[in-house]
Amino acid sequence: MSEFKEISPEEVQKRVENGEKLELIDVREDEEVEAGMIPQAKHIRMNDIPEHLDALDKEKETIYICRSGGRSGNVCAYLQDKGYNVVNMTGGMLDYKGETKPKSQLA
C-alpha cells in the first residue's frame, strides 16, 4: 500500500473556518452523511468512486473523509495509485468538531 498525505480533523476545521476553498469528498454512506457532513464537502460513496473518476481533478489536492479515517484511507490508496493528489482526514468525522449539516439541508 502506498503512502499518502494525511491531515487532522482539527486542521481541516481550522482551514474551513478560515474560509479556505478546499476540495473535500465525503465517502460515507447516505445515512451517515444525513447525520451530518462538512457543508462544503461533496458526497461520493466509497463504492461509487471508481465510476466518478472523471469528476475528480487529478492535479487538485483533495481531502477524503469518512467516519473514522479507514474507508477514506482505502480510497486515498486506490486514487493515489491512479495518479490523484489525495489527502486522508485521519480520525474522520468522529473527531471533527466543526460545523456539520445533514446532506438534505445542503444545496
C-alpha atoms as a PDB file:
ATOM      1  CA  MET A   1       0.000   0.000   0.000  1.00  0.00           C
ATOM      2  CA  SER A   2       1.328   3.399  -0.931  1.00  0.00           C
ATOM      3  CA  GLU A   3       1.954   6.235   1.496  1.00  0.00           C
ATOM      4  CA  PHE A   4      -0.257   9.275   1.098  1.00  0.00           C
ATOM      5  CA  LYS A   5      -0.621  12.606   2.863  1.00  0.00           C
ATOM      6  CA  GLU A   6      -2.783  12.902   5.950  1.00  0.00           C
ATOM      7  CA  ILE A   7      -4.487  15.812   7.695  1.00  0.00           C
ATOM      8  CA  SER A   8      -6.101  16.019  11.118  1.00  0.00           C
ATOM      9  CA  PRO A   9      -9.792  16.901  11.581  1.00  0.00           C
ATOM     10  CA  GLU A  10      -8.633  19.925  13.627  1.00  0.00           C
ATOM     11  CA  GLU A  11      -6.550  21.214  10.707  1.00  0.00           C
ATOM     12  CA  VAL A  12      -9.444  20.730   8.263  1.00  0.00           C
ATOM     13  CA  GLN A  13     -11.773  22.574  10.656  1.00  0.00           C
ATOM     14  CA  LYS A  14      -9.300  25.449  11.019  1.00  0.00           C
ATOM     15  CA  ARG A  15      -8.869  25.757   7.255  1.00  0.00           C
ATOM     16  CA  VAL A  16     -12.649  25.618   6.645  1.00  0.00           C
ATOM     17  CA  GLU A  17     -13.288  28.259   9.324  1.00  0.00           C
ATOM     18  CA  ASN A  18     -10.573  30.463   7.783  1.00  0.00           C
ATOM     19  CA  GLY A  19     -12.536  30.417   4.537  1.00  0.00           C
ATOM     20  CA  GLU A  20     -10.069  28.328   2.527  1.00  0.00           C
ATOM     21  CA  LYS A  21     -11.535  26.756  -0.599  1.00  0.00           C
ATOM     22  CA  LEU A  22     -10.807  23.091  -0.001  1.00  0.00           C
ATOM     23  CA  GLU A  23     -11.717  20.153  -2.169  1.00  0.00           C
ATOM     24  CA  LEU A  24     -13.450  17.795   0.298  1.00  0.00           C
ATOM     25  CA  ILE A  25     -15.089  14.484  -0.596  1.00  0.00           C
ATOM     26  CA  ASP A  26     -17.078  12.528   1.982  1.00  0.00           C
ATOM     27  CA  VAL A  27     -17.084   8.814   1.108  1.00  0.00           C
ATOM     28  CA  ARG A  28     -19.532   7.638   3.790  1.00  0.00           C
ATOM     29  CA  GLU A  29     -22.887   6.010   3.141  1.00  0.00           C
ATOM     30  CA  ASP A  30     -26.091   8.020   2.640  1.00  0.00           C
ATOM     31  CA  GLU A  31     -27.428   7.541   6.169  1.00  0.00           C
ATOM     32  CA  GLU A  32     -24.075   8.626   7.643  1.00  0.00           C
ATOM     33  CA  VAL A  33     -23.953  11.930   5.744  1.00  0.00           C
ATOM     34  CA  GLU A  34     -27.579  12.556   6.667  1.00  0.00           C
ATOM     35  CA  ALA A  35     -26.409  12.627  10.300  1.00  0.00           C
ATOM     36  CA  GLY A  36     -24.086  15.498   9.357  1.00  0.00           C
ATOM     37  CA  MET A  37     -21.287  16.355   6.962  1.00  0.00           C
ATOM     38  CA  ILE A  38     -18.953  19.312   6.431  1.00  0.00           C
ATOM     39  CA  PRO A  39     -21.093  21.786   4.461  1.00  0.00           C
ATOM     40  CA  GLN A  40     -18.564  22.402   1.661  1.00  0.00           C
ATOM     41  CA  ALA A  41     -17.853  18.672   1.129  1.00  0.00           C
ATOM     42  CA  LYS A  42     -19.148  16.699  -1.836  1.00  0.00           C
ATOM     43  CA  HIS A  43     -20.657  13.285  -1.181  1.00  0.00           C
ATOM     44  CA  ILE A  44     -19.476  10.326  -3.279  1.00  0.00           C
ATOM     45  CA  ARG A  45     -19.892   6.962  -1.556  1.00  0.00           C
ATOM     46  CA  MET A  46     -16.714   4.882  -1.382  1.00  0.00           C
ATOM     47  CA  ASN A  47     -18.102   2.176  -3.657  1.00  0.00           C
ATOM     48  CA  ASP A  48     -19.085   4.812  -6.237  1.00  0.00           C
ATOM     49  CA  ILE A  49     -15.601   6.388  -6.524  1.00  0.00           C
ATOM     50  CA  PRO A  50     -14.449   4.196  -9.475  1.00  0.00           C
ATOM     51  CA  GLU A  51     -17.367   5.355 -11.633  1.00  0.00           C
ATOM     52  CA  HIS A  52     -16.808   9.026 -10.713  1.00  0.00           C
ATOM     53  CA  LEU A  53     -13.105   9.277 -11.615  1.00  0.00           C
ATOM     54  CA  ASP A  54     -13.866  11.721 -14.426  1.00  0.00           C
ATOM     55  CA  ALA A  55     -15.418  14.125 -11.865  1.00  0.00           C
ATOM     56  CA  LEU A  56     -12.219  14.188  -9.787  1.00  0.00           C
ATOM     57  CA  ASP A  57      -9.361  16.581 -10.584  1.00  0.00           C
ATOM     58  CA  LYS A  58      -6.093  14.612 -10.634  1.00  0.00           C
ATOM     59  CA  GLU A  59      -3.990  17.729 -10.055  1.00  0.00           C
ATOM     60  CA  LYS A  60      -6.013  19.382  -7.275  1.00  0.00           C
ATOM     61  CA  GLU A  61      -5.280  18.300  -3.716  1.00  0.00           C
ATOM     62  CA  THR A  62      -8.435  16.586  -2.481  1.00  0.00           C
ATOM     63  CA  ILE A  63      -9.178  15.643   1.130  1.00  0.00           C
ATOM     64  CA  TYR A  64     -11.150  12.413   1.601  1.00  0.00           C
ATOM     65  CA  ILE A  65     -13.349  11.946   4.659  1.00  0.00           C
ATOM     66  CA  CYS A  66     -15.212   9.029   6.263  1.00  0.00           C
ATOM     67  CA  ARG A  67     -16.397   8.138   9.760  1.00  0.00           C
ATOM     68  CA  SER A  68     -13.022   7.224  11.295  1.00  0.00           C
ATOM     69  CA  GLY A  69     -10.390   7.507   8.538  1.00  0.00           C
ATOM     70  CA  GLY A  70     -10.305   3.863   7.404  1.00  0.00           C
ATOM     71  CA  ARG A  71     -12.512   3.937   4.318  1.00  0.00           C
ATOM     72  CA  SER A  72     -11.140   7.304   3.223  1.00  0.00           C
ATOM     73  CA  GLY A  73      -7.644   5.838   3.614  1.00  0.00           C
ATOM     74  CA  ASN A  74      -8.590   2.983   1.285  1.00  0.00           C
ATOM     75  CA  VAL A  75      -9.961   5.495  -1.224  1.00  0.00           C
ATOM     76  CA  CYS A  76      -6.748   7.534  -0.976  1.00  0.00           C
ATOM     77  CA  ALA A  77      -4.581   4.467  -1.622  1.00  0.00           C
ATOM     78  CA  TYR A  78      -6.733   3.499  -4.634  1.00  0.00           C
ATOM     79  CA  LEU A  79      -6.726   7.004  -6.134  1.00  0.00           C
ATOM     80  CA  GLN A  80      -3.057   7.720  -5.439  1.00  0.00           C
ATOM     81  CA  ASP A  81      -2.164   4.566  -7.375  1.00  0.00           C
ATOM     82  CA  LYS A  82      -4.107   6.118 -10.281  1.00  0.00           C
ATOM     83  CA  GLY A  83      -2.147   9.376 -10.038  1.00  0.00           C
ATOM     84  CA  TYR A  84      -4.526  11.541  -7.979  1.00  0.00           C
ATOM     85  CA  ASN A  85      -3.354  14.139  -5.414  1.00  0.00           C
ATOM     86  CA  VAL A  86      -5.015  12.782  -2.254  1.00  0.00           C
ATOM     87  CA  VAL A  87      -5.071  13.576   1.472  1.00  0.00           C
ATOM     88  CA  ASN A  88      -6.769  11.417   4.108  1.00  0.00           C
ATOM     89  CA  MET A  89      -8.517  13.082   7.063  1.00  0.00           C
ATOM     90  CA  THR A  90      -7.348  10.892   9.929  1.00  0.00           C
ATOM     91  CA  GLY A  91      -9.874  10.232  12.678  1.00  0.00           C
ATOM     92  CA  GLY A  92     -12.725  11.059  10.312  1.00  0.00           C
ATOM     93  CA  MET A  93     -15.993  12.678  11.287  1.00  0.00           C
ATOM     94  CA  LEU A  94     -15.818  11.044  14.735  1.00  0.00           C
ATOM     95  CA  ASP A  95     -13.051  13.536  15.571  1.00  0.00           C
ATOM     96  CA  TYR A  96     -14.343  16.528  13.563  1.00  0.00           C
ATOM     97  CA  LYS A  97     -15.696  19.242  15.882  1.00  0.00           C
ATOM     98  CA  GLY A  98     -16.598  21.915  13.309  1.00  0.00           C
ATOM     99  CA  GLU A  99     -19.966  22.769  11.795  1.00  0.00           C
ATOM    100  CA  THR A 100     -21.838  19.958  10.090  1.00  0.00           C
ATOM    101  CA  LYS A 101     -25.198  19.789   8.355  1.00  0.00           C
ATOM    102  CA  PRO A 102     -27.367  16.900   7.156  1.00  0.00           C
ATOM    103  CA  LYS A 103     -26.845  16.321   3.443  1.00  0.00           C
ATOM    104  CA  SER A 104     -30.533  17.059   2.811  1.00  0.00           C
ATOM    105  CA  GLN A 105     -30.011  20.632   4.051  1.00  0.00           C
ATOM    106  CA  LEU A 106     -27.127  21.312   1.661  1.00  0.00           C
ATOM    107  CA  ALA A 107     -27.672  22.780  -1.783  1.00  0.00           C
END
